[in-house]
């Protein structure tokens, strides 16, 4: 067996051995990992720490979130059958307000980050949908499961739902919105969301 053949055979074996491992961390996982790493890097940057830097820090975090989240898909799923009842203008406004509320809520929570570890557990892909299962490990060893649900309909994997400890953000809001819209108009619900958004930061 000559050296070139040995080298080719070894390379083939390495590929066969590594392929299952490499397939675990596919594109959806890498997209989530990149977004999370980006936010953590912002939070760790000394020049962005403290209340005086809050505005610029939050803008950077907001930009990182927007690059990976589809607030239109999240809003549409959260409203369920009520989405079709909204006018074009109401849809645009609802997406903007709901997106801002989610961003502000997450930014407030993200700013409490204190060196927690993020474990990427499993990735499941079904055609244009995917779920990335992660766990956040706190300094005390507590593990908090956080799963990200993504869709890819335009060549980009974007998050449309987040499941924290078994509770789906979309399902939670769908139930809330359905109850609210039985009692009040879309305009009143939008006003309420604006108020909640302002109180989240």
C-alpha atoms as a PDB file:
ATOM      1  CA  UNK A   1       0.000   0.000   0.000  1.00  0.00           C
ATOM      2  CA  UNK A   2       1.683   3.219  -1.123  1.00  0.00           C
ATOM      3  CA  UNK A   3       1.776   6.399   0.967  1.00  0.00           C
ATOM      4  CA  UNK A   4      -0.664   8.339  -1.206  1.00  0.00           C
ATOM      5  CA  UNK A   5      -3.241   5.539  -0.931  1.00  0.00           C
ATOM      6  CA  UNK A   6      -2.738   5.369   2.850  1.00  0.00           C
ATOM      7  CA  UNK A   7      -3.265   9.123   3.086  1.00  0.00           C
ATOM      8  CA  UNK A   8      -6.455   8.970   1.009  1.00  0.00           C
ATOM      9  CA  UNK A   9      -7.789   6.065   3.089  1.00  0.00           C
ATOM     10  CA  UNK A  10      -7.022   7.878   6.358  1.00  0.00           C
ATOM     11  CA  UNK A  11      -8.749  11.020   5.101  1.00  0.00           C
ATOM     12  CA  UNK A  12     -11.835   9.000   4.153  1.00  0.00           C
ATOM     13  CA  UNK A  13     -11.966   7.369   7.593  1.00  0.00           C
ATOM     14  CA  UNK A  14     -11.671  10.743   9.334  1.00  0.00           C
ATOM     15  CA  UNK A  15     -14.562  12.104   7.258  1.00  0.00           C
ATOM     16  CA  UNK A  16     -16.720   9.072   8.074  1.00  0.00           C
ATOM     17  CA  UNK A  17     -15.954   9.341  11.787  1.00  0.00           C
ATOM     18  CA  UNK A  18     -16.539  13.075  12.007  1.00  0.00           C
ATOM     19  CA  UNK A  19     -19.590  13.375   9.765  1.00  0.00           C
ATOM     20  CA  UNK A  20     -22.198  12.442  12.446  1.00  0.00           C
ATOM     21  CA  UNK A  21     -20.624  14.904  14.876  1.00  0.00           C
ATOM     22  CA  UNK A  22     -20.494  17.715  12.353  1.00  0.00           C
ATOM     23  CA  UNK A  23     -24.106  17.146  11.320  1.00  0.00           C
ATOM     24  CA  UNK A  24     -25.311  17.812  14.865  1.00  0.00           C
ATOM     25  CA  UNK A  25     -24.320  21.474  14.688  1.00  0.00           C
ATOM     26  CA  UNK A  26     -26.041  22.551  11.480  1.00  0.00           C
ATOM     27  CA  UNK A  27     -26.799  25.997  10.139  1.00  0.00           C
ATOM     28  CA  UNK A  28     -29.707  26.809  12.524  1.00  0.00           C
ATOM     29  CA  UNK A  29     -27.526  26.035  15.567  1.00  0.00           C
ATOM     30  CA  UNK A  30     -24.649  28.077  14.218  1.00  0.00           C
ATOM     31  CA  UNK A  31     -26.955  31.027  13.548  1.00  0.00           C
ATOM     32  CA  UNK A  32     -28.248  30.904  17.124  1.00  0.00           C
ATOM     33  CA  UNK A  33     -24.734  30.455  18.504  1.00  0.00           C
ATOM     34  CA  UNK A  34     -23.435  33.440  16.529  1.00  0.00           C
ATOM     35  CA  UNK A  35     -26.300  35.660  17.740  1.00  0.00           C
ATOM     36  CA  UNK A  36     -25.866  34.624  21.382  1.00  0.00           C
ATOM     37  CA  UNK A  37     -22.075  35.000  21.237  1.00  0.00           C
ATOM     38  CA  UNK A  38     -22.552  38.458  19.740  1.00  0.00           C
ATOM     39  CA  UNK A  39     -24.818  39.565  22.579  1.00  0.00           C
ATOM     40  CA  UNK A  40     -22.493  38.102  25.231  1.00  0.00           C
ATOM     41  CA  UNK A  41     -19.563  39.946  23.666  1.00  0.00           C
ATOM     42  CA  UNK A  42     -21.516  43.216  23.904  1.00  0.00           C
ATOM     43  CA  UNK A  43     -22.354  42.561  27.560  1.00  0.00           C
ATOM     44  CA  UNK A  44     -18.727  41.753  28.369  1.00  0.00           C
ATOM     45  CA  UNK A  45     -17.313  44.872  26.680  1.00  0.00           C
ATOM     46  CA  UNK A  46     -16.049  47.142  29.475  1.00  0.00           C
ATOM     47  CA  UNK A  47     -16.593  50.335  27.470  1.00  0.00           C
ATOM     48  CA  UNK A  48     -20.312  49.499  27.153  1.00  0.00           C
ATOM     49  CA  UNK A  49     -20.969  48.738  30.808  1.00  0.00           C
ATOM     50  CA  UNK A  50     -22.857  50.962  33.254  1.00  0.00           C
ATOM     51  CA  UNK A  51     -25.947  53.140  33.074  1.00  0.00           C
ATOM     52  CA  UNK A  52     -24.237  55.994  31.130  1.00  0.00           C
ATOM     53  CA  UNK A  53     -23.668  53.530  28.265  1.00  0.00           C
ATOM     54  CA  UNK A  54     -27.127  51.943  28.506  1.00  0.00           C
ATOM     55  CA  UNK A  55     -28.518  53.537  25.349  1.00  0.00           C
ATOM     56  CA  UNK A  56     -25.697  52.528  22.993  1.00  0.00           C
ATOM     57  CA  UNK A  57     -25.387  49.088  24.648  1.00  0.00           C
ATOM     58  CA  UNK A  58     -29.088  48.390  24.187  1.00  0.00           C
ATOM     59  CA  UNK A  59     -29.008  49.553  20.576  1.00  0.00           C
ATOM     60  CA  UNK A  60     -26.213  47.090  19.849  1.00  0.00           C
ATOM     61  CA  UNK A  61     -28.128  44.274  21.577  1.00  0.00           C
ATOM     62  CA  UNK A  62     -31.285  45.274  19.702  1.00  0.00           C
ATOM     63  CA  UNK A  63     -29.399  45.061  16.398  1.00  0.00           C
ATOM     64  CA  UNK A  64     -28.109  41.574  17.275  1.00  0.00           C
ATOM     65  CA  UNK A  65     -31.637  40.392  18.155  1.00  0.00           C
ATOM     66  CA  UNK A  66     -33.204  41.851  15.004  1.00  0.00           C
ATOM     67  CA  UNK A  67     -30.680  40.046  12.795  1.00  0.00           C
ATOM     68  CA  UNK A  68     -31.934  36.657  13.991  1.00  0.00           C
ATOM     69  CA  UNK A  69     -35.621  37.164  14.916  1.00  0.00           C
ATOM     70  CA  UNK A  70     -38.591  37.431  12.548  1.00  0.00           C
ATOM     71  CA  UNK A  71     -41.029  39.590  14.480  1.00  0.00           C
ATOM     72  CA  UNK A  72     -43.549  39.422  11.664  1.00  0.00           C
ATOM     73  CA  UNK A  73     -43.672  35.613  11.863  1.00  0.00           C
ATOM     74  CA  UNK A  74     -43.773  35.788  15.653  1.00  0.00           C
ATOM     75  CA  UNK A  75     -46.630  38.311  15.582  1.00  0.00           C
ATOM     76  CA  UNK A  76     -48.585  36.379  12.959  1.00  0.00           C
ATOM     77  CA  UNK A  77     -48.335  33.141  14.938  1.00  0.00           C
ATOM     78  CA  UNK A  78     -49.129  34.896  18.227  1.00  0.00           C
ATOM     79  CA  UNK A  79     -52.308  36.424  16.809  1.00  0.00           C
ATOM     80  CA  UNK A  80     -53.383  33.172  15.147  1.00  0.00           C
ATOM     81  CA  UNK A  81     -56.696  33.513  13.297  1.00  0.00           C
ATOM     82  CA  UNK A  82     -56.983  37.147  14.425  1.00  0.00           C
ATOM     83  CA  UNK A  83     -54.064  38.084  12.129  1.00  0.00           C
ATOM     84  CA  UNK A  84     -56.316  37.881   9.060  1.00  0.00           C
ATOM     85  CA  UNK A  85     -58.811  40.253  10.657  1.00  0.00           C
ATOM     86  CA  UNK A  86     -56.294  43.096  10.856  1.00  0.00           C
ATOM     87  CA  UNK A  87     -55.971  45.698   8.124  1.00  0.00           C
ATOM     88  CA  UNK A  88     -52.612  46.127   6.365  1.00  0.00           C
ATOM     89  CA  UNK A  89     -51.886  49.218   8.461  1.00  0.00           C
ATOM     90  CA  UNK A  90     -52.810  47.434  11.709  1.00  0.00           C
ATOM     91  CA  UNK A  91     -50.521  44.513  10.839  1.00  0.00           C
ATOM     92  CA  UNK A  92     -47.574  46.825  10.252  1.00  0.00           C
ATOM     93  CA  UNK A  93     -48.181  48.694  13.513  1.00  0.00           C
ATOM     94  CA  UNK A  94     -48.792  45.521  15.524  1.00  0.00           C
ATOM     95  CA  UNK A  95     -45.554  43.932  14.291  1.00  0.00           C
ATOM     96  CA  UNK A  96     -43.584  47.077  15.182  1.00  0.00           C
ATOM     97  CA  UNK A  97     -45.091  47.425  18.662  1.00  0.00           C
ATOM     98  CA  UNK A  98     -44.973  43.727  19.511  1.00  0.00           C
ATOM     99  CA  UNK A  99     -41.383  43.467  18.252  1.00  0.00           C
ATOM    100  CA  UNK A 100     -40.287  46.418  20.373  1.00  0.00           C
ATOM    101  CA  UNK A 101     -42.000  44.951  23.435  1.00  0.00           C
ATOM    102  CA  UNK A 102     -40.221  41.598  22.971  1.00  0.00           C
ATOM    103  CA  UNK A 103     -36.882  43.314  22.378  1.00  0.00           C
ATOM    104  CA  UNK A 104     -37.192  45.477  25.479  1.00  0.00           C
ATOM    105  CA  UNK A 105     -38.228  42.509  27.598  1.00  0.00           C
ATOM    106  CA  UNK A 106     -35.273  40.417  26.408  1.00  0.00           C
ATOM    107  CA  UNK A 107     -32.771  43.246  26.671  1.00  0.00           C
ATOM    108  CA  UNK A 108     -33.763  43.782  30.297  1.00  0.00           C
ATOM    109  CA  UNK A 109     -33.184  40.087  31.016  1.00  0.00           C
ATOM    110  CA  UNK A 110     -29.995  39.849  28.967  1.00  0.00           C
ATOM    111  CA  UNK A 111     -28.404  42.723  30.883  1.00  0.00           C
ATOM    112  CA  UNK A 112     -28.541  40.534  34.013  1.00  0.00           C
ATOM    113  CA  UNK A 113     -26.084  38.108  32.378  1.00  0.00           C
ATOM    114  CA  UNK A 114     -23.323  37.053  34.789  1.00  0.00           C
ATOM    115  CA  UNK A 115     -21.129  34.508  33.008  1.00  0.00           C
ATOM    116  CA  UNK A 116     -23.794  31.834  32.564  1.00  0.00           C
ATOM    117  CA  UNK A 117     -22.798  29.018  30.215  1.00  0.00           C
ATOM    118  CA  UNK A 118     -24.880  28.169  27.147  1.00  0.00           C
ATOM    119  CA  UNK A 119     -24.982  24.505  26.095  1.00  0.00           C
ATOM    120  CA  UNK A 120     -26.194  23.586  22.607  1.00  0.00           C
ATOM    121  CA  UNK A 121     -27.957  20.263  23.106  1.00  0.00           C
ATOM    122  CA  UNK A 122     -29.772  19.218  19.944  1.00  0.00           C
ATOM    123  CA  UNK A 123     -30.918  20.422  16.543  1.00  0.00           C
ATOM    124  CA  UNK A 124     -33.924  19.145  14.621  1.00  0.00           C
ATOM    125  CA  UNK A 125     -34.607  20.198  11.031  1.00  0.00           C
ATOM    126  CA  UNK A 126     -37.803  19.443   9.117  1.00  0.00           C
ATOM    127  CA  UNK A 127     -37.756  20.996   5.643  1.00  0.00           C
ATOM    128  CA  UNK A 128     -38.110  24.760   6.287  1.00  0.00           C
ATOM    129  CA  UNK A 129     -38.516  24.510  10.080  1.00  0.00           C
ATOM    130  CA  UNK A 130     -35.962  23.832  12.796  1.00  0.00           C
ATOM    131  CA  UNK A 131     -35.635  23.718  16.565  1.00  0.00           C
ATOM    132  CA  UNK A 132     -32.404  24.323  18.448  1.00  0.00           C
ATOM    133  CA  UNK A 133     -32.415  23.069  22.035  1.00  0.00           C
ATOM    134  CA  UNK A 134     -30.098  24.822  24.465  1.00  0.00           C
ATOM    135  CA  UNK A 135     -29.556  24.979  28.193  1.00  0.00           C
ATOM    136  CA  UNK A 136     -28.345  27.953  30.181  1.00  0.00           C
ATOM    137  CA  UNK A 137     -26.243  26.829  33.126  1.00  0.00           C
ATOM    138  CA  UNK A 138     -26.193  29.311  36.011  1.00  0.00           C
ATOM    139  CA  UNK A 139     -23.314  29.857  38.433  1.00  0.00           C
ATOM    140  CA  UNK A 140     -25.094  27.575  40.929  1.00  0.00           C
ATOM    141  CA  UNK A 141     -25.338  24.744  38.394  1.00  0.00           C
ATOM    142  CA  UNK A 142     -29.036  25.197  37.652  1.00  0.00           C
ATOM    143  CA  UNK A 143     -29.919  24.327  34.074  1.00  0.00           C
ATOM    144  CA  UNK A 144     -32.613  26.345  32.293  1.00  0.00           C
ATOM    145  CA  UNK A 145     -33.821  24.790  29.018  1.00  0.00           C
ATOM    146  CA  UNK A 146     -34.367  27.340  26.256  1.00  0.00           C
ATOM    147  CA  UNK A 147     -35.403  26.138  22.793  1.00  0.00           C
ATOM    148  CA  UNK A 148     -35.419  28.290  19.675  1.00  0.00           C
ATOM    149  CA  UNK A 149     -37.838  27.553  16.847  1.00  0.00           C
ATOM    150  CA  UNK A 150     -36.810  28.834  13.442  1.00  0.00           C
ATOM    151  CA  UNK A 151     -38.178  28.934   9.918  1.00  0.00           C
ATOM    152  CA  UNK A 152     -36.401  29.367   6.611  1.00  0.00           C
ATOM    153  CA  UNK A 153     -38.594  30.682   3.825  1.00  0.00           C
ATOM    154  CA  UNK A 154     -36.266  33.249   2.308  1.00  0.00           C
ATOM    155  CA  UNK A 155     -32.870  31.556   2.494  1.00  0.00           C
ATOM    156  CA  UNK A 156     -32.255  32.652   6.089  1.00  0.00           C
ATOM    157  CA  UNK A 157     -32.964  30.869   9.380  1.00  0.00           C
ATOM    158  CA  UNK A 158     -34.959  33.238  11.619  1.00  0.00           C
ATOM    159  CA  UNK A 159     -36.438  32.670  15.075  1.00  0.00           C
ATOM    160  CA  UNK A 160     -40.235  32.804  15.322  1.00  0.00           C
ATOM    161  CA  UNK A 161     -40.674  31.320  18.809  1.00  0.00           C
ATOM    162  CA  UNK A 162     -38.723  30.810  22.033  1.00  0.00           C
ATOM    163  CA  UNK A 163     -39.640  28.077  24.513  1.00  0.00           C
ATOM    164  CA  UNK A 164     -38.367  28.665  28.050  1.00  0.00           C
ATOM    165  CA  UNK A 165     -38.700  25.764  30.500  1.00  0.00           C
ATOM    166  CA  UNK A 166     -41.436  24.252  28.340  1.00  0.00           C
ATOM    167  CA  UNK A 167     -43.429  27.479  27.939  1.00  0.00           C
ATOM    168  CA  UNK A 168     -43.790  28.763  24.368  1.00  0.00           C
ATOM    169  CA  UNK A 169     -43.679  32.537  23.955  1.00  0.00           C
ATOM    170  CA  UNK A 170     -45.973  32.340  20.903  1.00  0.00           C
ATOM    171  CA  UNK A 171     -48.524  30.041  22.562  1.00  0.00           C
ATOM    172  CA  UNK A 172     -48.542  32.206  25.676  1.00  0.00           C
ATOM    173  CA  UNK A 173     -49.223  35.404  23.728  1.00  0.00           C
ATOM    174  CA  UNK A 174     -51.732  33.696  21.422  1.00  0.00           C
ATOM    175  CA  UNK A 175     -53.850  32.836  24.451  1.00  0.00           C
ATOM    176  CA  UNK A 176     -53.499  36.359  25.889  1.00  0.00           C
ATOM    177  CA  UNK A 177     -54.259  38.134  22.618  1.00  0.00           C
ATOM    178  CA  UNK A 178     -57.290  35.934  21.909  1.00  0.00           C
ATOM    179  CA  UNK A 179     -58.774  36.858  25.290  1.00  0.00           C
ATOM    180  CA  UNK A 180     -57.940  40.549  24.912  1.00  0.00           C
ATOM    181  CA  UNK A 181     -59.435  40.828  21.411  1.00  0.00           C
ATOM    182  CA  UNK A 182     -62.701  39.342  22.620  1.00  0.00           C
ATOM    183  CA  UNK A 183     -63.084  42.340  24.917  1.00  0.00           C
ATOM    184  CA  UNK A 184     -61.420  45.232  23.099  1.00  0.00           C
ATOM    185  CA  UNK A 185     -60.301  46.571  19.732  1.00  0.00           C
ATOM    186  CA  UNK A 186     -56.941  46.057  18.058  1.00  0.00           C
ATOM    187  CA  UNK A 187     -56.185  49.756  18.601  1.00  0.00           C
ATOM    188  CA  UNK A 188     -56.648  49.402  22.365  1.00  0.00           C
ATOM    189  CA  UNK A 189     -54.480  46.283  22.464  1.00  0.00           C
ATOM    190  CA  UNK A 190     -51.721  48.077  20.544  1.00  0.00           C
ATOM    191  CA  UNK A 191     -51.880  50.967  23.030  1.00  0.00           C
ATOM    192  CA  UNK A 192     -51.620  48.501  25.906  1.00  0.00           C
ATOM    193  CA  UNK A 193     -48.585  46.810  24.311  1.00  0.00           C
ATOM    194  CA  UNK A 194     -46.898  50.186  23.818  1.00  0.00           C
ATOM    195  CA  UNK A 195     -47.331  50.947  27.508  1.00  0.00           C
ATOM    196  CA  UNK A 196     -45.991  47.524  28.497  1.00  0.00           C
ATOM    197  CA  UNK A 197     -43.030  47.964  26.178  1.00  0.00           C
ATOM    198  CA  UNK A 198     -42.067  51.259  27.796  1.00  0.00           C
ATOM    199  CA  UNK A 199     -42.157  49.650  31.236  1.00  0.00           C
ATOM    200  CA  UNK A 200     -39.913  46.739  30.229  1.00  0.00           C
ATOM    201  CA  UNK A 201     -36.744  48.820  30.186  1.00  0.00           C
END
